[in-house]
């Protein structure tokens, strides 16, 4: 039995719910996954780049 519920920075209980992301990014497409698997040295990760771009503005 849990002794306490997890809360976010605003005090909202997030136990079993999770937190809403600051930005939403669509998951990799099947084509991107194929490229990632078969050409890892030349693959450019769109999701990673979006995260870096977002963090660069902070």
N, C-alpha and C. Protein backbone atom coordinates (compact mmCIF):
# COMPACT_ATOMS: atom_id res chain seq x y z
N UNK A 1 0.85 -1.18 0.00
CA UNK A 1 0.00 0.00 0.00
C UNK A 1 0.90 1.24 0.00
N UNK A 2 0.68 2.14 -0.96
CA UNK A 2 1.51 3.36 -1.01
C UNK A 2 1.30 4.23 0.23
N UNK A 3 2.37 4.85 0.67
CA UNK A 3 2.29 5.74 1.81
C UNK A 3 1.99 7.17 1.39
N UNK A 4 2.29 7.51 0.14
CA UNK A 4 2.01 8.86 -0.34
C UNK A 4 1.82 8.84 -1.86
N UNK A 5 1.07 9.78 -2.37
CA UNK A 5 0.85 9.89 -3.82
C UNK A 5 1.87 10.86 -4.39
N UNK A 6 2.32 10.59 -5.59
CA UNK A 6 3.27 11.49 -6.26
C UNK A 6 2.51 12.72 -6.74
N UNK A 7 3.15 13.89 -6.61
CA UNK A 7 2.54 15.15 -7.05
C UNK A 7 3.49 15.87 -8.00
N UNK A 8 2.91 16.74 -8.85
CA UNK A 8 3.75 17.54 -9.74
C UNK A 8 4.13 18.85 -9.02
N UNK A 9 4.77 19.75 -9.76
CA UNK A 9 5.26 20.99 -9.16
C UNK A 9 4.13 21.88 -8.64
N UNK A 10 2.92 21.71 -9.16
CA UNK A 10 1.79 22.54 -8.71
C UNK A 10 1.00 21.90 -7.58
N UNK A 11 1.40 20.69 -7.20
CA UNK A 11 0.71 20.00 -6.12
C UNK A 11 -0.39 19.06 -6.58
N UNK A 12 -0.60 18.96 -7.89
CA UNK A 12 -1.60 18.05 -8.43
C UNK A 12 -1.11 16.61 -8.28
N UNK A 13 -1.97 15.72 -7.85
CA UNK A 13 -1.62 14.31 -7.73
C UNK A 13 -1.53 13.72 -9.14
N UNK A 14 -0.39 13.07 -9.45
CA UNK A 14 -0.18 12.49 -10.77
C UNK A 14 -0.02 10.98 -10.71
N UNK A 15 -0.19 10.41 -9.53
CA UNK A 15 -0.06 8.97 -9.34
C UNK A 15 -1.03 8.24 -10.25
N UNK A 16 -0.52 7.39 -11.11
CA UNK A 16 -1.36 6.60 -12.01
C UNK A 16 -1.87 7.38 -13.21
N UNK A 17 -1.50 8.67 -13.31
CA UNK A 17 -1.98 9.52 -14.41
C UNK A 17 -0.81 9.95 -15.29
N UNK A 18 0.26 10.43 -14.66
CA UNK A 18 1.41 10.94 -15.40
C UNK A 18 1.32 12.46 -15.53
N UNK A 19 2.28 13.01 -16.21
CA UNK A 19 2.31 14.46 -16.40
C UNK A 19 2.13 14.80 -17.87
N UNK A 20 1.53 15.96 -18.14
CA UNK A 20 1.33 16.42 -19.50
C UNK A 20 2.66 16.99 -20.01
N UNK A 21 3.09 16.58 -21.19
CA UNK A 21 4.36 17.10 -21.71
C UNK A 21 4.26 18.58 -22.04
N UNK A 22 5.40 19.28 -21.97
CA UNK A 22 5.45 20.70 -22.35
C UNK A 22 5.19 20.87 -23.84
N UNK A 23 5.75 19.97 -24.62
CA UNK A 23 5.50 19.98 -26.07
C UNK A 23 5.16 18.56 -26.49
N UNK A 24 4.33 18.45 -27.49
CA UNK A 24 3.97 17.13 -27.99
C UNK A 24 4.68 16.90 -29.31
N UNK A 25 5.28 15.74 -29.44
CA UNK A 25 6.00 15.35 -30.64
C UNK A 25 5.43 14.02 -31.11
N UNK A 26 5.14 13.92 -32.38
CA UNK A 26 4.63 12.66 -32.89
C UNK A 26 5.73 11.61 -32.84
N UNK A 27 5.38 10.38 -32.54
CA UNK A 27 6.38 9.31 -32.49
C UNK A 27 7.01 9.09 -33.87
N UNK A 28 8.16 8.42 -33.90
CA UNK A 28 8.80 8.14 -35.19
C UNK A 28 7.87 7.33 -36.10
N UNK A 29 7.90 7.67 -37.39
CA UNK A 29 7.11 6.93 -38.37
C UNK A 29 7.77 5.58 -38.66
N UNK A 30 7.05 4.71 -39.35
CA UNK A 30 7.63 3.42 -39.73
C UNK A 30 8.86 3.63 -40.61
N UNK A 31 8.80 4.63 -41.51
CA UNK A 31 9.94 4.91 -42.38
C UNK A 31 11.14 5.38 -41.56
N UNK A 32 10.90 6.23 -40.56
CA UNK A 32 12.00 6.70 -39.70
C UNK A 32 12.59 5.54 -38.91
N UNK A 33 11.76 4.64 -38.42
CA UNK A 33 12.26 3.48 -37.69
C UNK A 33 13.10 2.58 -38.59
N UNK A 34 12.66 2.41 -39.84
CA UNK A 34 13.41 1.62 -40.82
C UNK A 34 14.78 2.24 -41.05
N UNK A 35 14.81 3.57 -41.27
CA UNK A 35 16.08 4.26 -41.49
C UNK A 35 16.98 4.18 -40.26
N UNK A 36 16.39 4.31 -39.08
CA UNK A 36 17.15 4.24 -37.84
C UNK A 36 17.82 2.88 -37.69
N UNK A 37 17.09 1.84 -38.05
CA UNK A 37 17.61 0.48 -37.90
C UNK A 37 18.67 0.15 -38.94
N UNK A 38 18.42 0.51 -40.20
CA UNK A 38 19.31 0.10 -41.28
C UNK A 38 20.41 1.10 -41.61
N UNK A 39 20.28 2.34 -41.17
CA UNK A 39 21.32 3.35 -41.44
C UNK A 39 21.57 4.19 -40.19
N UNK A 40 21.96 3.56 -39.08
CA UNK A 40 22.09 4.32 -37.83
C UNK A 40 23.15 5.41 -37.87
N UNK A 41 24.18 5.24 -38.70
CA UNK A 41 25.25 6.24 -38.72
C UNK A 41 24.86 7.50 -39.49
N UNK A 42 23.85 7.43 -40.34
CA UNK A 42 23.42 8.61 -41.11
C UNK A 42 22.01 9.07 -40.74
N UNK A 43 21.36 8.34 -39.86
CA UNK A 43 19.98 8.69 -39.49
C UNK A 43 19.95 9.97 -38.68
N UNK A 44 19.04 10.87 -39.01
CA UNK A 44 18.84 12.11 -38.26
C UNK A 44 17.53 11.97 -37.50
N UNK A 45 17.63 11.98 -36.18
CA UNK A 45 16.48 11.75 -35.32
C UNK A 45 15.66 13.03 -35.16
N UNK A 46 14.51 13.08 -35.81
CA UNK A 46 13.63 14.23 -35.78
C UNK A 46 13.14 14.53 -34.37
N UNK A 47 12.78 13.51 -33.61
CA UNK A 47 12.26 13.69 -32.26
C UNK A 47 13.35 14.27 -31.35
N UNK A 48 14.55 13.74 -31.45
CA UNK A 48 15.67 14.25 -30.65
C UNK A 48 15.96 15.70 -31.02
N UNK A 49 15.97 16.00 -32.32
CA UNK A 49 16.25 17.37 -32.75
C UNK A 49 15.19 18.35 -32.26
N UNK A 50 13.93 17.93 -32.22
CA UNK A 50 12.88 18.79 -31.70
C UNK A 50 13.09 19.05 -30.21
N UNK A 51 13.53 18.06 -29.48
CA UNK A 51 13.80 18.23 -28.06
C UNK A 51 14.96 19.20 -27.84
N UNK A 52 16.02 19.04 -28.60
CA UNK A 52 17.18 19.95 -28.48
C UNK A 52 16.77 21.36 -28.85
N UNK A 53 15.99 21.51 -29.91
CA UNK A 53 15.53 22.84 -30.33
C UNK A 53 14.71 23.49 -29.22
N UNK A 54 13.81 22.75 -28.61
CA UNK A 54 12.99 23.28 -27.52
C UNK A 54 13.86 23.69 -26.33
N UNK A 55 14.79 22.83 -25.94
CA UNK A 55 15.64 23.13 -24.78
C UNK A 55 16.59 24.29 -25.05
N UNK A 56 16.95 24.51 -26.30
CA UNK A 56 17.84 25.61 -26.66
C UNK A 56 17.19 26.97 -26.47
N UNK A 57 15.86 26.99 -26.44
CA UNK A 57 15.16 28.26 -26.26
C UNK A 57 14.96 28.61 -24.79
N UNK A 58 15.30 27.71 -23.91
CA UNK A 58 15.09 27.93 -22.46
C UNK A 58 16.30 28.54 -21.81
